Amino acid sequence: IVLLIDSVSSHVSMSVLEDAKSKGIELYRLVPNATHLM
């Protein structure tokens, strides 16, 4: 599953990113200040 996330610093935890990946969740960060485009 692809989950788009913003670039908030709390979303940059390596342990959470690894946990999501192990569950089959691919996290893709949006470019900072580009949320309005999405």
PDB file of all heavy atoms in Angstrom:
ATOM      1  N   ILE A   1       0.869  -1.170   0.000  1.00  0.00           N
ATOM      2  CA  ILE A   1       0.000   0.000   0.000  1.00  0.00           C
ATOM      3  C   ILE A   1       0.906   1.220   0.000  1.00  0.00           C
ATOM      4  O   ILE A   1       1.906   1.252   0.714  1.00  0.00           O
ATOM      5  CB  ILE A   1      -0.887   0.033   1.260  1.00  0.00           C
ATOM      6  CG1 ILE A   1      -1.852  -1.141   1.268  1.00  0.00           C
ATOM      7  CG2 ILE A   1      -1.632   1.347   1.365  1.00  0.00           C
ATOM      8  CD1 ILE A   1      -2.653  -1.246   2.542  1.00  0.00           C
ATOM      9  N   VAL A   2       0.555   2.220  -0.781  1.00  0.00           N
ATOM     10  CA  VAL A   2       1.314   3.468  -0.802  1.00  0.00           C
ATOM     11  C   VAL A   2       0.550   4.490   0.036  1.00  0.00           C
ATOM     12  O   VAL A   2      -0.636   4.710  -0.181  1.00  0.00           O
ATOM     13  CB  VAL A   2       1.502   3.991  -2.239  1.00  0.00           C
ATOM     14  CG1 VAL A   2       2.182   5.346  -2.234  1.00  0.00           C
ATOM     15  CG2 VAL A   2       2.297   2.986  -3.058  1.00  0.00           C
ATOM     16  N   LEU A   3       1.231   5.079   1.000  1.00  0.00           N
ATOM     17  CA  LEU A   3       0.637   6.097   1.854  1.00  0.00           C
ATOM     18  C   LEU A   3       1.445   7.378   1.705  1.00  0.00           C
ATOM     19  O   LEU A   3       2.645   7.400   1.966  1.00  0.00           O
ATOM     20  CB  LEU A   3       0.646   5.628   3.317  1.00  0.00           C
ATOM     21  CG  LEU A   3       0.061   6.581   4.353  1.00  0.00           C
ATOM     22  CD1 LEU A   3      -1.411   6.860   4.070  1.00  0.00           C
ATOM     23  CD2 LEU A   3       0.231   5.997   5.753  1.00  0.00           C
ATOM     24  N   LEU A   4       0.799   8.424   1.219  1.00  0.00           N
ATOM     25  CA  LEU A   4       1.457   9.724   1.071  1.00  0.00           C
ATOM     26  C   LEU A   4       1.385  10.470   2.393  1.00  0.00           C
ATOM     27  O   LEU A   4       0.316  10.556   2.994  1.00  0.00           O
ATOM     28  CB  LEU A   4       0.775  10.548  -0.018  1.00  0.00           C
ATOM     29  CG  LEU A   4       0.736   9.937  -1.415  1.00  0.00           C
ATOM     30  CD1 LEU A   4      -0.075  10.815  -2.349  1.00  0.00           C
ATOM     31  CD2 LEU A   4       2.135   9.737  -1.945  1.00  0.00           C
ATOM     32  N   ILE A   5       2.521  10.979   2.832  1.00  0.00           N
ATOM     33  CA  ILE A   5       2.566  11.724   4.093  1.00  0.00           C
ATOM     34  C   ILE A   5       3.243  13.064   3.855  1.00  0.00           C
ATOM     35  O   ILE A   5       3.983  13.243   2.891  1.00  0.00           O
ATOM     36  CB  ILE A   5       3.313  10.936   5.201  1.00  0.00           C
ATOM     37  CG1 ILE A   5       4.746  10.629   4.781  1.00  0.00           C
ATOM     38  CG2 ILE A   5       2.575   9.653   5.540  1.00  0.00           C
ATOM     39  CD1 ILE A   5       5.589   9.987   5.860  1.00  0.00           C
ATOM     40  N   ASP A   6       2.973  14.015   4.741  1.00  0.00           N
ATOM     41  CA  ASP A   6       3.639  15.303   4.610  1.00  0.00           C
ATOM     42  C   ASP A   6       5.021  15.223   5.246  1.00  0.00           C
ATOM     43  O   ASP A   6       5.436  14.176   5.733  1.00  0.00           O
ATOM     44  CB  ASP A   6       2.800  16.435   5.194  1.00  0.00           C
ATOM     45  CG  ASP A   6       2.451  16.217   6.649  1.00  0.00           C
ATOM     46  OD1 ASP A   6       3.063  15.355   7.295  1.00  0.00           O
ATOM     47  OD2 ASP A   6       1.561  16.916   7.141  1.00  0.00           O
ATOM     48  N   SER A   7       5.739  16.302   5.247  1.00  0.00           N
ATOM     49  CA  SER A   7       7.126  16.298   5.719  1.00  0.00           C
ATOM     50  C   SER A   7       7.275  16.773   7.162  1.00  0.00           C
ATOM     51  O   SER A   7       8.281  17.362   7.521  1.00  0.00           O
ATOM     52  CB  SER A   7       7.984  17.162   4.795  1.00  0.00           C
ATOM     53  OG  SER A   7       8.050  16.574   3.524  1.00  0.00           O
ATOM     54  N   VAL A   8       6.293  16.498   7.983  1.00  0.00           N
ATOM     55  CA  VAL A   8       6.383  16.850   9.397  1.00  0.00           C
ATOM     56  C   VAL A   8       7.494  16.023  10.032  1.00  0.00           C
ATOM     57  O   VAL A   8       7.652  14.839   9.735  1.00  0.00           O
ATOM     58  CB  VAL A   8       5.029  16.594  10.104  1.00  0.00           C
ATOM     59  CG1 VAL A   8       5.124  16.820  11.592  1.00  0.00           C
ATOM     60  CG2 VAL A   8       3.957  17.443   9.491  1.00  0.00           C
ATOM     61  N   SER A   9       8.273  16.637  10.901  1.00  0.00           N
ATOM     62  CA  SER A   9       9.433  15.944  11.478  1.00  0.00           C
ATOM     63  C   SER A   9       9.049  14.685  12.240  1.00  0.00           C
ATOM     64  O   SER A   9       9.844  13.750  12.323  1.00  0.00           O
ATOM     65  CB  SER A   9      10.207  16.901  12.388  1.00  0.00           C
ATOM     66  OG  SER A   9       9.388  17.340  13.456  1.00  0.00           O
ATOM     67  N   SER A  10       7.839  14.609  12.791  1.00  0.00           N
ATOM     68  CA  SER A  10       7.436  13.401  13.529  1.00  0.00           C
ATOM     69  C   SER A  10       7.249  12.201  12.611  1.00  0.00           C
ATOM     70  O   SER A  10       7.196  11.067  13.064  1.00  0.00           O
ATOM     71  CB  SER A  10       6.149  13.662  14.311  1.00  0.00           C
ATOM     72  OG  SER A  10       5.078  13.934  13.434  1.00  0.00           O
ATOM     73  N   HIS A  11       7.166  12.433  11.314  1.00  0.00           N
ATOM     74  CA  HIS A  11       7.007  11.346  10.355  1.00  0.00           C
ATOM     75  C   HIS A  11       8.342  10.807   9.865  1.00  0.00           C
ATOM     76  O   HIS A  11       8.375  10.002   8.954  1.00  0.00           O
ATOM     77  CB  HIS A  11       6.189  11.819   9.150  1.00  0.00           C
ATOM     78  CG  HIS A  11       4.795  12.225   9.480  1.00  0.00           C
ATOM     79  ND1 HIS A  11       4.011  12.913   8.596  1.00  0.00           N
ATOM     80  CD2 HIS A  11       4.045  12.052  10.591  1.00  0.00           C
ATOM     81  CE1 HIS A  11       2.831  13.143   9.148  1.00  0.00           C
ATOM     82  NE2 HIS A  11       2.831  12.629  10.361  1.00  0.00           N
ATOM     83  N   VAL A  12       9.432  11.239  10.461  1.00  0.00           N
ATOM     84  CA  VAL A  12      10.752  10.873   9.974  1.00  0.00           C
ATOM     85  C   VAL A  12      11.464   9.928  10.941  1.00  0.00           C
ATOM     86  O   VAL A  12      12.656   9.872  11.002  1.00  0.00           O
ATOM     87  CB  VAL A  12      11.609  12.136   9.719  1.00  0.00           C
ATOM     88  CG1 VAL A  12      12.898  11.787   8.991  1.00  0.00           C
ATOM     89  CG2 VAL A  12      10.841  13.144   8.894  1.00  0.00           C
ATOM     90  N   SER A  13      10.734   9.184  11.722  1.00  0.00           N
ATOM     91  CA  SER A  13      11.327   8.229  12.642  1.00  0.00           C
ATOM     92  C   SER A  13      11.688   6.962  11.876  1.00  0.00           C
ATOM     93  O   SER A  13      10.828   6.335  11.248  1.00  0.00           O
ATOM     94  CB  SER A  13      10.346   7.894  13.761  1.00  0.00           C
ATOM     95  OG  SER A  13      10.756   6.746  14.450  1.00  0.00           O
ATOM     96  N   MET A  14      12.947   6.570  11.932  1.00  0.00           N
ATOM     97  CA  MET A  14      13.395   5.389  11.208  1.00  0.00           C
ATOM     98  C   MET A  14      12.669   4.131  11.690  1.00  0.00           C
ATOM     99  O   MET A  14      12.307   3.274  10.885  1.00  0.00           O
ATOM    100  CB  MET A  14      14.909   5.226  11.345  1.00  0.00           C
ATOM    101  CG  MET A  14      15.457   4.205  10.406  1.00  0.00           C
ATOM    102  SD  MET A  14      14.992   4.591   8.712  1.00  0.00           S
ATOM    103  CE  MET A  14      16.540   4.628   7.946  1.00  0.00           C
ATOM    104  N   SER A  15      12.409   4.042  12.996  1.00  0.00           N
ATOM    105  CA  SER A  15      11.735   2.850  13.511  1.00  0.00           C
ATOM    106  C   SER A  15      10.302   2.749  12.975  1.00  0.00           C
ATOM    107  O   SER A  15       9.842   1.662  12.636  1.00  0.00           O
ATOM    108  CB  SER A  15      11.727   2.850  15.046  1.00  0.00           C
ATOM    109  OG  SER A  15      10.998   3.951  15.539  1.00  0.00           O
ATOM    110  N   VAL A  16       9.605   3.882  12.859  1.00  0.00           N
ATOM    111  CA  VAL A  16       8.244   3.865  12.327  1.00  0.00           C
ATOM    112  C   VAL A  16       8.271   3.552  10.832  1.00  0.00           C
ATOM    113  O   VAL A  16       7.444   2.770  10.340  1.00  0.00           O
ATOM    114  CB  VAL A  16       7.521   5.200  12.597  1.00  0.00           C
ATOM    115  CG1 VAL A  16       6.145   5.207  11.947  1.00  0.00           C
ATOM    116  CG2 VAL A  16       7.396   5.456  14.086  1.00  0.00           C
ATOM    117  N   LEU A  17       9.225   4.116  10.107  1.00  0.00           N
ATOM    118  CA  LEU A  17       9.339   3.834   8.677  1.00  0.00           C
ATOM    119  C   LEU A  17       9.615   2.348   8.427  1.00  0.00           C
ATOM    120  O   LEU A  17       9.017   1.734   7.544  1.00  0.00           O
ATOM    121  CB  LEU A  17      10.433   4.686   8.046  1.00  0.00           C
ATOM    122  CG  LEU A  17      10.199   6.202   8.069  1.00  0.00           C
ATOM    123  CD1 LEU A  17      11.428   6.943   7.542  1.00  0.00           C
ATOM    124  CD2 LEU A  17       8.973   6.582   7.295  1.00  0.00           C
ATOM    125  N   GLU A  18      10.494   1.769   9.231  1.00  0.00           N
ATOM    126  CA  GLU A  18      10.805   0.338   9.099  1.00  0.00           C
ATOM    127  C   GLU A  18       9.606  -0.524   9.468  1.00  0.00           C
ATOM    128  O   GLU A  18       9.337  -1.540   8.830  1.00  0.00           O
ATOM    129  CB  GLU A  18      12.017  -0.015   9.952  1.00  0.00           C
ATOM    130  CG  GLU A  18      13.308   0.550   9.414  1.00  0.00           C
ATOM    131  CD  GLU A  18      14.487   0.357  10.359  1.00  0.00           C
ATOM    132  OE1 GLU A  18      14.281  -0.026  11.530  1.00  0.00           O
ATOM    133  OE2 GLU A  18      15.625   0.610   9.919  1.00  0.00           O
ATOM    134  N   ASP A  19       8.879  -0.124  10.515  1.00  0.00           N
ATOM    135  CA  ASP A  19       7.688  -0.861  10.933  1.00  0.00           C
ATOM    136  C   ASP A  19       6.637  -0.847   9.826  1.00  0.00           C
ATOM    137  O   ASP A  19       6.040  -1.882   9.511  1.00  0.00           O
ATOM    138  CB  ASP A  19       7.125  -0.249  12.222  1.00  0.00           C
ATOM    139  CG  ASP A  19       5.919  -0.994  12.742  1.00  0.00           C
ATOM    140  OD1 ASP A  19       5.962  -2.243  12.807  1.00  0.00           O
ATOM    141  OD2 ASP A  19       4.919  -0.328  13.085  1.00  0.00           O
ATOM    142  N   ALA A  20       6.423   0.309   9.221  1.00  0.00           N
ATOM    143  CA  ALA A  20       5.452   0.413   8.132  1.00  0.00           C
ATOM    144  C   ALA A  20       5.872  -0.471   6.966  1.00  0.00           C
ATOM    145  O   ALA A  20       5.053  -1.202   6.405  1.00  0.00           O
ATOM    146  CB  ALA A  20       5.320   1.866   7.689  1.00  0.00           C
ATOM    147  N   LYS A  21       7.144  -0.428   6.618  1.00  0.00           N
ATOM    148  CA  LYS A  21       7.636  -1.228   5.494  1.00  0.00           C
ATOM    149  C   LYS A  21       7.447  -2.723   5.765  1.00  0.00           C
ATOM    150  O   LYS A  21       7.066  -3.474   4.878  1.00  0.00           O
ATOM    151  CB  LYS A  21       9.095  -0.923   5.217  1.00  0.00           C
ATOM    152  CG  LYS A  21       9.614  -1.608   3.966  1.00  0.00           C
ATOM    153  CD  LYS A  21      10.807  -0.877   3.420  1.00  0.00           C
ATOM    154  CE  LYS A  21      11.279  -1.477   2.135  1.00  0.00           C
ATOM    155  NZ  LYS A  21      10.538  -1.009   0.982  1.00  0.00           N
ATOM    156  N   SER A  22       7.677  -3.142   7.009  1.00  0.00           N
ATOM    157  CA  SER A  22       7.507  -4.559   7.353  1.00  0.00           C
ATOM    158  C   SER A  22       6.044  -4.990   7.243  1.00  0.00           C
ATOM    159  O   SER A  22       5.756  -6.173   7.077  1.00  0.00           O
ATOM    160  CB  SER A  22       8.036  -4.839   8.761  1.00  0.00           C
ATOM    161  OG  SER A  22       7.165  -4.306   9.742  1.00  0.00           O
ATOM    162  N   LYS A  23       5.132  -4.038   7.328  1.00  0.00           N
ATOM    163  CA  LYS A  23       3.698  -4.328   7.207  1.00  0.00           C
ATOM    164  C   LYS A  23       3.212  -4.175   5.768  1.00  0.00           C
ATOM    165  O   LYS A  23       2.024  -4.294   5.497  1.00  0.00           O
ATOM    166  CB  LYS A  23       2.905  -3.387   8.119  1.00  0.00           C
ATOM    167  CG  LYS A  23       3.174  -3.644   9.581  1.00  0.00           C
ATOM    168  CD  LYS A  23       2.464  -2.641  10.451  1.00  0.00           C
ATOM    169  CE  LYS A  23       2.802  -2.994  11.901  1.00  0.00           C
ATOM    170  NZ  LYS A  23       2.149  -2.148  12.853  1.00  0.00           N
ATOM    171  N   GLY A  24       4.117  -3.878   4.843  1.00  0.00           N
ATOM    172  CA  GLY A  24       3.742  -3.720   3.448  1.00  0.00           C
ATOM    173  C   GLY A  24       3.179  -2.349   3.128  1.00  0.00           C
ATOM    174  O   GLY A  24       2.467  -2.181   2.145  1.00  0.00           O
ATOM    175  N   ILE A  25       3.501  -1.362   3.969  1.00  0.00           N
ATOM    176  CA  ILE A  25       3.038   0.011   3.756  1.00  0.00           C
ATOM    177  C   ILE A  25       4.237   0.838   3.308  1.00  0.00           C
ATOM    178  O   ILE A  25       5.197   1.004   4.052  1.00  0.00           O
ATOM    179  CB  ILE A  25       2.435   0.605   5.046  1.00  0.00           C
ATOM    180  CG1 ILE A  25       1.272  -0.253   5.540  1.00  0.00           C
ATOM    181  CG2 ILE A  25       2.000   2.044   4.806  1.00  0.00           C
ATOM    182  CD1 ILE A  25       0.785   0.115   6.925  1.00  0.00           C
ATOM    183  N   GLU A  26       4.175   1.315   2.085  1.00  0.00           N
ATOM    184  CA  GLU A  26       5.247   2.149   1.544  1.00  0.00           C
ATOM    185  C   GLU A  26       4.908   3.606   1.812  1.00  0.00           C
ATOM    186  O   GLU A  26       3.862   4.101   1.368  1.00  0.00           O
ATOM    187  CB  GLU A  26       5.405   1.924   0.043  1.00  0.00           C
ATOM    188  CG  GLU A  26       5.781   0.506  -0.342  1.00  0.00           C
ATOM    189  CD  GLU A  26       7.205   0.158   0.041  1.00  0.00           C
ATOM    190  OE1 GLU A  26       8.039   1.075   0.157  1.00  0.00           O
ATOM    191  OE2 GLU A  26       7.484  -1.040   0.205  1.00  0.00           O
ATOM    192  N   LEU A  27       5.736   4.295   2.562  1.00  0.00           N
ATOM    193  CA  LEU A  27       5.507   5.700   2.888  1.00  0.00           C
ATOM    194  C   LEU A  27       6.293   6.583   1.929  1.00  0.00           C
ATOM    195  O   LEU A  27       7.489   6.385   1.727  1.00  0.00           O
ATOM    196  CB  LEU A  27       5.947   5.993   4.329  1.00  0.00           C
ATOM    197  CG  LEU A  27       5.235   5.201   5.420  1.00  0.00           C
ATOM    198  CD1 LEU A  27       5.842   5.520   6.784  1.00  0.00           C
ATOM    199  CD2 LEU A  27       3.756   5.507   5.423  1.00  0.00           C
ATOM    200  N   TYR A  28       5.605   7.527   1.328  1.00  0.00           N
ATOM    201  CA  TYR A  28       6.242   8.494   0.443  1.00  0.00           C
ATOM    202  C   TYR A  28       5.959   9.885   0.969  1.00  0.00           C
ATOM    203  O   TYR A  28       4.803  10.267   1.139  1.00  0.00           O
ATOM    204  CB  TYR A  28       5.739   8.360  -1.001  1.00  0.00           C
ATOM    205  CG  TYR A  28       6.294   7.139  -1.685  1.00  0.00           C
ATOM    206  CD1 TYR A  28       5.582   5.959  -1.703  1.00  0.00           C
ATOM    207  CD2 TYR A  28       7.543   7.180  -2.282  1.00  0.00           C
ATOM    208  CE1 TYR A  28       6.099   4.821  -2.311  1.00  0.00           C
ATOM    209  CE2 TYR A  28       8.064   6.060  -2.897  1.00  0.00           C
ATOM    210  CZ  TYR A  28       7.335   4.880  -2.900  1.00  0.00           C
ATOM    211  OH  TYR A  28       7.852   3.768  -3.495  1.00  0.00           O
ATOM    212  N   ARG A  29       7.030  10.620   1.240  1.00  0.00           N
ATOM    213  CA  ARG A  29       6.891  11.980   1.769  1.00  0.00           C
ATOM    214  C   ARG A  29       6.713  12.970   0.636  1.00  0.00           C
ATOM    215  O   ARG A  29       7.413  12.924  -0.364  1.00  0.00           O
ATOM    216  CB  ARG A  29       8.129  12.352   2.584  1.00  0.00           C
ATOM    217  CG  ARG A  29       8.240  11.541   3.857  1.00  0.00           C
ATOM    218  CD  ARG A  29       9.511  11.807   4.606  1.00  0.00           C
ATOM    219  NE  ARG A  29       9.624  13.217   4.937  1.00  0.00           N
ATOM    220  CZ  ARG A  29      10.760  13.815   5.236  1.00  0.00           C
ATOM    221  NH1 ARG A  29      11.878  13.131   5.253  1.00  0.00           N
ATOM    222  NH2 ARG A  29      10.792  15.091   5.533  1.00  0.00           N
ATOM    223  N   LEU A  30       5.761  13.869   0.832  1.00  0.00           N
ATOM    224  CA  LEU A  30       5.578  14.960  -0.129  1.00  0.00           C
ATOM    225  C   LEU A  30       6.674  15.992   0.088  1.00  0.00           C
ATOM    226  O   LEU A  30       7.202  16.133   1.191  1.00  0.00           O
ATOM    227  CB  LEU A  30       4.218  15.624   0.077  1.00  0.00           C
ATOM    228  CG  LEU A  30       2.995  14.745  -0.156  1.00  0.00           C
ATOM    229  CD1 LEU A  30       1.738  15.512   0.203  1.00  0.00           C
ATOM    230  CD2 LEU A  30       2.950  14.287  -1.597  1.00  0.00           C
ATOM    231  N   VAL A  31       6.990  16.712  -0.955  1.00  0.00           N
ATOM    232  CA  VAL A  31       7.965  17.788  -0.868  1.00  0.00           C
ATOM    233  C   VAL A  31       7.434  18.833   0.117  1.00  0.00           C
ATOM    234  O   VAL A  31       6.237  19.144   0.103  1.00  0.00           O
ATOM    235  CB  VAL A  31       8.173  18.414  -2.262  1.00  0.00           C
ATOM    236  CG1 VAL A  31       9.142  19.561  -2.201  1.00  0.00           C
ATOM    237  CG2 VAL A  31       8.629  17.368  -3.247  1.00  0.00           C
ATOM    238  N   PRO A  32       8.283  19.384   0.983  1.00  0.00           N
ATOM    239  CA  PRO A  32       7.802  20.419   1.912  1.00  0.00           C
ATOM    240  C   PRO A  32       7.105  21.565   1.181  1.00  0.00           C
ATOM    241  O   PRO A  32       7.513  21.963   0.089  1.00  0.00           O
ATOM    242  CB  PRO A  32       9.088  20.910   2.585  1.00  0.00           C
ATOM    243  CG  PRO A  32      10.048  19.793   2.456  1.00  0.00           C
ATOM    244  CD  PRO A  32       9.707  19.110   1.157  1.00  0.00           C
ATOM    245  N   ASN A  33       6.054  22.051   1.785  1.00  0.00           N
ATOM    246  CA  ASN A  33       5.267  23.176   1.258  1.00  0.00           C
ATOM    247  C   ASN A  33       4.598  22.873  -0.074  1.00  0.00           C
ATOM    248  O   ASN A  33       4.316  23.778  -0.843  1.00  0.00           O
ATOM    249  CB  ASN A  33       6.127  24.437   1.140  1.00  0.00           C
ATOM    250  CG  ASN A  33       6.733  24.829   2.451  1.00  0.00           C
ATOM    251  OD1 ASN A  33       6.059  24.792   3.484  1.00  0.00           O
ATOM    252  ND2 ASN A  33       7.995  25.187   2.450  1.00  0.00           N
ATOM    253  N   ALA A  34       4.351  21.605  -0.365  1.00  0.00           N
ATOM    254  CA  ALA A  34       3.678  21.247  -1.614  1.00  0.00           C
ATOM    255  C   ALA A  34       2.358  20.531  -1.366  1.00  0.00           C
ATOM    256  O   ALA A  34       1.747  20.037  -2.311  1.00  0.00           O
ATOM    257  CB  ALA A  34       4.588  20.360  -2.456  1.00  0.00           C
ATOM    258  N   THR A  35       1.913  20.476  -0.121  1.00  0.00           N
ATOM    259  CA  THR A  35       0.678  19.777   0.202  1.00  0.00           C
ATOM    260  C   THR A  35      -0.493  20.350  -0.596  1.00  0.00           C
ATOM    261  O   THR A  35      -1.370  19.612  -1.043  1.00  0.00           O
ATOM    262  CB  THR A  35       0.381  19.877   1.707  1.00  0.00           C
ATOM    263  OG1 THR A  35       1.529  19.444   2.422  1.00  0.00           O
ATOM    264  CG2 THR A  35      -0.783  18.998   2.097  1.00  0.00           C
ATOM    265  N   HIS A  36      -0.512  21.661  -0.796  1.00  0.00           N
ATOM    266  CA  HIS A  36      -1.613  22.287  -1.529  1.00  0.00           C
ATOM    267  C   HIS A  36      -1.719  21.771  -2.972  1.00  0.00           C
ATOM    268  O   HIS A  36      -2.792  21.788  -3.561  1.00  0.00           O
ATOM    269  CB  HIS A  36      -1.466  23.810  -1.525  1.00  0.00           C
ATOM    270  CG  HIS A  36      -0.299  24.302  -2.304  1.00  0.00           C
ATOM    271  ND1 HIS A  36       1.005  24.249  -1.822  1.00  0.00           N
ATOM    272  CD2 HIS A  36      -0.226  24.844  -3.540  1.00  0.00           C
ATOM    273  CE1 HIS A  36       1.814  24.750  -2.744  1.00  0.00           C
ATOM    274  NE2 HIS A  36       1.097  25.119  -3.777  1.00  0.00           N
ATOM    275  N   LEU A  37      -0.609  21.282  -3.514  1.00  0.00           N
ATOM    276  CA  LEU A  37      -0.652  20.741  -4.871  1.00  0.00           C
ATOM    277  C   LEU A  37      -1.392  19.409  -4.907  1.00  0.00           C
ATOM    278  O   LEU A  37      -2.030  19.065  -5.893  1.00  0.00           O
ATOM    279  CB  LEU A  37       0.765  20.561  -5.420  1.00  0.00           C
ATOM    280  CG  LEU A  37       1.586  21.839  -5.563  1.00  0.00           C
ATOM    281  CD1 LEU A  37       3.016  21.499  -5.931  1.00  0.00           C
ATOM    282  CD2 LEU A  37       0.963  22.770  -6.584  1.00  0.00           C
ATOM    283  N   MET A  38      -1.284  18.660  -3.809  1.00  0.00           N
ATOM    284  CA  MET A  38      -1.934  17.357  -3.725  1.00  0.00           C
ATOM    285  C   MET A  38      -3.349  17.453  -3.151  1.00  0.00           C
ATOM    286  O   MET A  38      -4.128  16.531  -3.272  1.00  0.00           O
ATOM    287  CB  MET A  38      -1.100  16.416  -2.855  1.00  0.00           C
ATOM    288  CG  MET A  38       0.308  16.185  -3.368  1.00  0.00           C
ATOM    289  SD  MET A  38       0.329  15.348  -4.951  1.00  0.00           S
ATOM    290  CE  MET A  38      -0.124  13.714  -4.450  1.00  0.00           C
TER     291      MET A  38
END
